[in-house]
Amino acid sequence: MLLALAVVLPFFVDDAVLWMKVMCFALFASAFNLLLGYAGLLSFGHAAFLGSAGYITGHLVKELGMGPAVGILAGTAFAALLGLVFGALAIRRQGIYFAMVTLALSQLVYFAAVQLPFTHGEDGIQGIPRGTLFGVVELESRYGMYYTVLGIFLLGFGLIHRTIHSPFGQVLRAIKENEPRALSLGYDVNRYKLLAFVLSAALSGLAGSTKVLVFQLETLTDVQWHMSGEVVLMTLLGGMGTILGPLMGSFLVVMIEDYFAGLGEWVPIIMGCIFVFCVLVFRRGIVGEAAALWKRALPEPDA
């Protein structure tokens, strides 16, 4: 039903860009949820992957004249490489120390984005052309861009779904629930954590590269630590460790920000109040609580 709704949506709404933004952030939150919800690793540095991939894609497409496909692939590959470096340094620590290491490394990326000439500092990269995908799909077209974003989202979401339900995903769950036991069973815990971190970073980069083509600009907003906090909010609001939770969380956050955009500085306060309310009322997130209620409503099986 959700897929059918997404397919016909651009024919019934005027602002297709808003829904493309929802899909980009839904992919970003789903990638983050793979790391937090299934591997138990809280990263405060995921904005580095979203933003750095966006800068790489924007620079290649605008300054070097590369096609959008090359730009997206290059941005995703760079985010994966950055995730490999971050992960190799961060997985040596656990808990809050892991989170602080990722935050510190992310801030290094932010300062690099401020100083490097090709990022244009506070001005960002503007006027990025969308171009033509594979010489066939005209991305300047409303429908061409929308269905390209939808296809990328479904590809990334499908990969996450397959990973979660694979033997690799089961090992990640085991590590999250009881790491010493997983280690005693012979699993190379650090290798699994690193692979999960790199995959999450790559998919975050894919979301960032796609977002750049949607809005045709890249700014420092995507590499600031606020963005890392926002994806945590999306995941916890929707339901950590659930498939559809990040989708619900990203939808709510983007829609709330768009609806209250005219209030300016009051938007973070409103978001904070909503987050506190949801944490107190929906401790497992909206989707998590809905799933729990559904299970309790089902009749008990006969003995």
Protein backbone atom coordinates (compact mmCIF):
# COMPACT_ATOMS: atom_id res chain seq x y z
CA MET A 1 0.00 0.00 0.00
CA LEU A 2 2.81 2.41 0.85
CA LEU A 3 4.58 1.60 -2.40
CA ALA A 4 1.41 2.12 -4.45
CA LEU A 5 0.85 5.44 -2.69
CA ALA A 6 4.42 6.54 -3.42
CA VAL A 7 4.06 5.67 -7.12
CA VAL A 8 0.91 7.75 -7.69
CA LEU A 9 1.79 10.56 -5.27
CA PRO A 10 3.31 13.08 -7.74
CA PHE A 11 0.04 13.14 -9.70
CA PHE A 12 -1.91 14.39 -6.67
CA VAL A 13 0.48 16.81 -4.92
CA ASP A 14 1.93 20.13 -6.00
CA ASP A 15 5.13 20.09 -3.91
CA ALA A 16 6.95 16.95 -5.08
CA VAL A 17 10.26 18.29 -3.69
CA LEU A 18 8.94 17.97 -0.14
CA TRP A 19 8.20 14.29 -0.65
CA MET A 20 11.58 13.71 -2.27
CA LYS A 21 13.12 15.27 0.83
CA VAL A 22 11.12 12.84 2.98
CA MET A 23 12.49 9.88 1.02
CA CYS A 24 16.08 11.14 1.26
CA PHE A 25 15.84 11.52 5.02
CA ALA A 26 13.97 8.22 5.33
CA LEU A 27 16.93 6.48 3.69
CA PHE A 28 19.33 8.40 5.93
CA ALA A 29 17.41 7.43 9.07
CA SER A 30 17.09 3.80 7.94
CA ALA A 31 20.85 3.64 7.42
CA PHE A 32 21.42 5.09 10.88
CA ASN A 33 18.90 2.64 12.36
CA LEU A 34 20.89 -0.25 10.91
CA LEU A 35 23.78 0.84 13.10
CA LEU A 36 21.90 1.87 16.25
CA GLY A 37 18.84 -0.35 16.21
CA TYR A 38 20.49 -3.59 15.13
CA ALA A 39 24.17 -3.27 16.04
CA GLY A 40 23.69 -1.15 19.17
CA LEU A 41 26.20 1.52 18.08
CA LEU A 42 25.17 5.12 18.77
CA SER A 43 26.93 7.44 16.33
CA PHE A 44 26.83 11.22 16.69
CA GLY A 45 28.79 11.70 13.48
CA HIS A 46 26.53 10.52 10.67
CA ALA A 47 26.15 14.05 9.34
CA ALA A 48 29.73 13.72 8.08
CA PHE A 49 28.69 10.99 5.64
CA LEU A 50 25.54 12.76 4.47
CA GLY A 51 27.29 16.09 3.93
CA SER A 52 30.62 14.90 2.53
CA ALA A 53 28.87 12.76 -0.09
CA GLY A 54 26.77 15.78 -1.01
CA TYR A 55 29.85 17.96 -1.48
CA ILE A 56 31.59 15.35 -3.63
CA THR A 57 28.52 14.86 -5.82
CA GLY A 58 27.88 18.59 -6.13
CA HIS A 59 31.50 19.36 -7.07
CA LEU A 60 31.75 16.59 -9.65
CA VAL A 61 28.44 17.42 -11.31
CA LYS A 62 28.80 21.21 -11.36
CA GLU A 63 32.52 21.92 -11.61
CA LEU A 64 33.74 18.88 -13.54
CA GLY A 65 30.66 18.26 -15.65
CA MET A 66 30.18 14.65 -14.58
CA GLY A 67 26.82 12.94 -15.01
CA PRO A 68 24.47 12.50 -12.05
CA ALA A 69 25.09 8.72 -11.94
CA VAL A 70 28.86 9.22 -11.61
CA GLY A 71 28.31 11.92 -9.00
CA ILE A 72 26.03 9.73 -6.88
CA LEU A 73 28.36 6.73 -7.10
CA ALA A 74 31.40 8.85 -6.25
CA GLY A 75 29.65 10.45 -3.27
CA THR A 76 28.50 7.07 -1.97
CA ALA A 77 31.97 5.57 -2.41
CA PHE A 78 33.59 8.50 -0.58
CA ALA A 79 31.13 8.15 2.30
CA ALA A 80 31.92 4.42 2.51
CA LEU A 81 35.66 5.15 2.59
CA LEU A 82 35.14 7.80 5.26
CA GLY A 83 33.04 5.31 7.20
CA LEU A 84 35.87 2.79 7.01
CA VAL A 85 38.27 5.33 8.54
CA PHE A 86 35.81 6.47 11.20
CA GLY A 87 34.79 2.93 12.05
CA ALA A 88 38.34 1.64 12.34
CA LEU A 89 39.03 4.34 14.93
CA ALA A 90 35.69 4.34 16.76
CA ILE A 91 34.92 0.64 17.25
CA ARG A 92 37.83 0.38 19.65
CA ARG A 93 35.57 2.12 22.17
CA GLN A 94 32.07 1.36 23.45
CA GLY A 95 29.06 3.25 24.73
CA ILE A 96 29.37 6.98 25.23
CA TYR A 97 33.06 6.88 24.28
CA PHE A 98 32.14 5.47 20.86
CA ALA A 99 29.57 8.25 20.41
CA MET A 100 32.05 10.96 21.42
CA VAL A 101 34.73 9.66 19.04
CA THR A 102 32.30 9.75 16.12
CA LEU A 103 31.22 13.27 17.10
CA ALA A 104 34.82 14.47 17.23
CA LEU A 105 35.64 12.96 13.84
CA SER A 106 32.49 14.48 12.38
CA GLN A 107 33.54 17.91 13.61
CA LEU A 108 36.83 17.48 11.76
CA VAL A 109 34.84 16.97 8.56
CA TYR A 110 32.80 20.08 9.36
CA PHE A 111 35.91 22.24 9.81
CA ALA A 112 37.34 20.80 6.58
CA ALA A 113 34.13 21.77 4.79
CA VAL A 114 34.49 25.31 6.12
CA GLN A 115 38.12 25.66 5.00
CA LEU A 116 38.43 23.72 1.74
CA PRO A 117 38.06 25.94 -1.35
CA PHE A 118 35.87 23.63 -3.42
CA THR A 119 33.10 23.67 -0.76
CA HIS A 120 32.84 27.51 -0.98
CA GLY A 121 32.57 27.80 2.80
CA GLU A 122 29.35 29.33 4.10
CA ASP A 123 28.08 29.99 0.58
CA GLY A 124 28.06 26.29 -0.26
CA ILE A 125 27.77 24.83 -3.75
CA GLN A 126 24.79 26.36 -5.51
CA GLY A 127 23.13 25.89 -8.86
CA ILE A 128 24.04 22.22 -9.19
CA PRO A 129 22.57 20.89 -12.47
CA ARG A 130 20.54 17.70 -12.26
CA GLY A 131 21.46 16.58 -15.76
CA THR A 132 20.28 13.40 -17.43
CA LEU A 133 20.55 9.99 -15.79
CA PHE A 134 22.14 7.38 -18.09
CA GLY A 135 21.36 9.67 -21.01
CA VAL A 136 17.69 8.70 -20.80
CA VAL A 137 15.98 10.06 -17.67
CA GLU A 138 15.70 13.85 -17.66
CA LEU A 139 16.14 14.83 -14.02
CA GLU A 140 15.09 18.42 -14.62
CA SER A 141 11.65 16.97 -15.15
CA ARG A 142 9.46 16.79 -12.04
CA TYR A 143 8.47 13.19 -12.66
CA GLY A 144 11.93 12.08 -13.78
CA MET A 145 13.53 13.37 -10.58
CA TYR A 146 10.79 12.02 -8.34
CA TYR A 147 10.86 8.47 -9.68
CA THR A 148 14.66 8.45 -9.65
CA VAL A 149 14.63 9.36 -5.95
CA LEU A 150 11.95 6.74 -5.34
CA GLY A 151 14.04 4.10 -7.10
CA ILE A 152 17.17 5.00 -5.12
CA PHE A 153 15.20 4.92 -1.87
CA LEU A 154 13.70 1.50 -2.65
CA LEU A 155 17.13 0.16 -3.61
CA GLY A 156 18.71 1.38 -0.35
CA PHE A 157 15.76 0.31 1.78
CA GLY A 158 15.70 -3.12 0.14
CA LEU A 159 19.40 -3.57 0.87
CA ILE A 160 18.84 -2.63 4.52
CA HIS A 161 15.87 -5.02 4.79
CA ARG A 162 17.89 -7.86 3.25
CA THR A 163 20.85 -7.17 5.53
CA ILE A 164 18.70 -7.21 8.67
CA HIS A 165 17.16 -10.57 7.75
CA SER A 166 20.43 -12.19 6.68
CA PRO A 167 22.81 -14.24 8.85
CA PHE A 168 24.96 -11.12 9.04
CA GLY A 169 22.03 -9.21 10.51
CA GLN A 170 21.39 -11.95 13.05
CA VAL A 171 25.00 -11.72 14.22
CA LEU A 172 24.59 -7.96 14.61
CA ARG A 173 21.56 -8.54 16.83
CA ALA A 174 23.53 -11.04 18.89
CA ILE A 175 26.34 -8.52 19.33
CA LYS A 176 23.87 -5.87 20.43
CA GLU A 177 22.15 -8.14 22.95
CA ASN A 178 25.21 -9.85 24.40
CA GLU A 179 28.59 -8.96 22.93
CA PRO A 180 30.72 -11.13 25.27
CA ARG A 181 28.66 -14.19 24.36
CA ALA A 182 28.92 -13.47 20.64
CA LEU A 183 32.67 -13.15 21.11
CA SER A 184 32.81 -16.47 23.00
CA LEU A 185 30.97 -18.17 20.11
CA GLY A 186 33.87 -17.29 17.83
CA TYR A 187 32.52 -14.26 15.97
CA ASP A 188 34.96 -11.49 15.10
CA VAL A 189 32.87 -8.79 16.79
CA ASN A 190 34.98 -5.83 15.66
CA ARG A 191 34.88 -6.96 12.03
CA TYR A 192 31.08 -7.21 12.09
CA LYS A 193 30.81 -3.79 13.72
CA LEU A 194 33.12 -2.27 11.12
CA LEU A 195 31.17 -3.79 8.23
CA ALA A 196 27.91 -2.47 9.69
CA PHE A 197 29.45 0.97 10.15
CA VAL A 198 30.74 1.11 6.56
CA LEU A 199 27.39 -0.05 5.13
CA SER A 200 25.52 2.52 7.21
CA ALA A 201 27.93 5.26 6.12
CA ALA A 202 27.63 4.30 2.44
CA LEU A 203 23.82 4.39 2.52
CA SER A 204 23.92 7.71 4.37
CA GLY A 205 26.17 9.00 1.61
CA LEU A 206 23.72 7.71 -0.99
CA ALA A 207 20.98 9.73 0.72
CA GLY A 208 23.20 12.82 0.80
CA SER A 209 24.15 12.55 -2.88
CA THR A 210 20.52 12.16 -3.88
CA LYS A 211 19.45 15.08 -1.70
CA VAL A 212 21.97 17.36 -3.45
CA LEU A 213 20.40 16.70 -6.84
CA VAL A 214 16.92 17.26 -5.43
CA PHE A 215 17.71 20.70 -3.97
CA GLN A 216 20.55 21.54 -6.38
CA LEU A 217 22.73 22.90 -3.58
CA GLU A 218 24.94 21.72 -0.73
CA THR A 219 25.67 23.77 2.39
CA LEU A 220 27.29 23.40 5.79
CA THR A 221 23.91 22.46 7.28
CA ASP A 222 24.36 18.85 6.22
CA VAL A 223 27.72 18.43 7.98
CA GLN A 224 26.85 20.18 11.24
CA TRP A 225 26.36 18.14 14.40
CA HIS A 226 22.72 19.29 14.45
CA MET A 227 22.06 16.98 11.51
CA SER A 228 23.52 14.05 13.45
CA GLY A 229 21.15 14.87 16.30
CA GLU A 230 18.23 15.16 13.91
CA VAL A 231 18.69 11.65 12.53
CA VAL A 232 18.82 10.31 16.09
CA LEU A 233 15.52 12.10 16.71
CA MET A 234 13.97 10.58 13.59
CA THR A 235 15.02 7.07 14.56
CA LEU A 236 13.91 7.25 18.18
CA LEU A 237 10.65 9.00 17.30
CA GLY A 238 9.65 6.37 14.76
CA GLY A 239 10.97 3.36 16.64
CA MET A 240 14.55 2.16 17.01
CA GLY A 241 15.13 -1.39 15.84
CA THR A 242 12.03 -1.48 13.61
CA ILE A 243 11.87 -1.58 9.83
CA LEU A 244 9.28 1.16 9.33
CA GLY A 245 10.18 3.27 12.37
CA PRO A 246 12.80 5.47 10.65
CA LEU A 247 10.37 6.07 7.77
CA MET A 248 7.68 7.27 10.16
CA GLY A 249 10.14 9.37 12.17
CA SER A 250 11.63 11.09 9.13
CA PHE A 251 8.16 11.77 7.72
CA LEU A 252 7.02 13.41 10.98
CA VAL A 253 10.18 15.49 11.46
CA VAL A 254 10.25 16.79 7.88
CA MET A 255 6.55 17.58 7.90
CA ILE A 256 6.70 19.35 11.26
CA GLU A 257 9.69 21.42 10.15
CA ASP A 258 7.92 22.35 6.92
CA TYR A 259 4.63 23.22 8.64
CA PHE A 260 6.23 25.37 11.34
CA ALA A 261 8.94 26.86 9.10
CA GLY A 262 7.40 30.31 9.40
CA LEU A 263 7.97 30.38 13.16
CA GLY A 264 11.74 30.63 12.76
CA GLU A 265 13.63 30.03 16.03
CA TRP A 266 10.59 28.41 17.64
CA VAL A 267 10.90 25.32 15.43
CA PRO A 268 13.63 23.60 17.54
CA ILE A 269 11.61 24.30 20.70
CA ILE A 270 8.49 22.75 19.17
CA MET A 271 10.53 19.76 17.97
CA GLY A 272 12.00 19.34 21.44
CA CYS A 273 8.56 19.36 23.09
CA ILE A 274 7.25 16.80 20.61
CA PHE A 275 10.30 14.61 21.19
CA VAL A 276 9.91 14.75 24.99
CA PHE A 277 6.22 13.90 24.69
CA CYS A 278 6.88 10.93 22.40
CA VAL A 279 9.68 9.62 24.62
CA LEU A 280 7.37 9.73 27.66
CA VAL A 281 4.31 8.27 25.89
CA PHE A 282 5.88 6.05 23.20
CA ARG A 283 8.98 4.62 24.84
CA ARG A 284 9.60 2.22 21.96
CA GLY A 285 8.77 4.82 19.32
CA ILE A 286 5.52 5.19 17.43
CA VAL A 287 5.95 2.10 15.27
CA GLY A 288 7.42 0.09 18.15
CA GLU A 289 4.45 0.85 20.42
CA ALA A 290 1.98 0.15 17.60
CA ALA A 291 3.61 -3.24 16.99
CA ALA A 292 3.48 -4.05 20.71
CA LEU A 293 -0.23 -3.14 20.89
CA TRP A 294 -0.93 -5.27 17.83
CA LYS A 295 0.79 -8.28 19.39
CA ARG A 296 -1.17 -7.86 22.62
CA ALA A 297 -4.42 -7.61 20.67
CA LEU A 298 -3.85 -10.90 18.85
CA PRO A 299 -5.53 -13.94 20.42
CA GLU A 300 -3.33 -16.33 22.33
CA PRO A 301 -2.56 -19.54 20.35
CA ASP A 302 -4.09 -22.74 21.67
CA ALA A 303 -1.74 -24.89 23.71
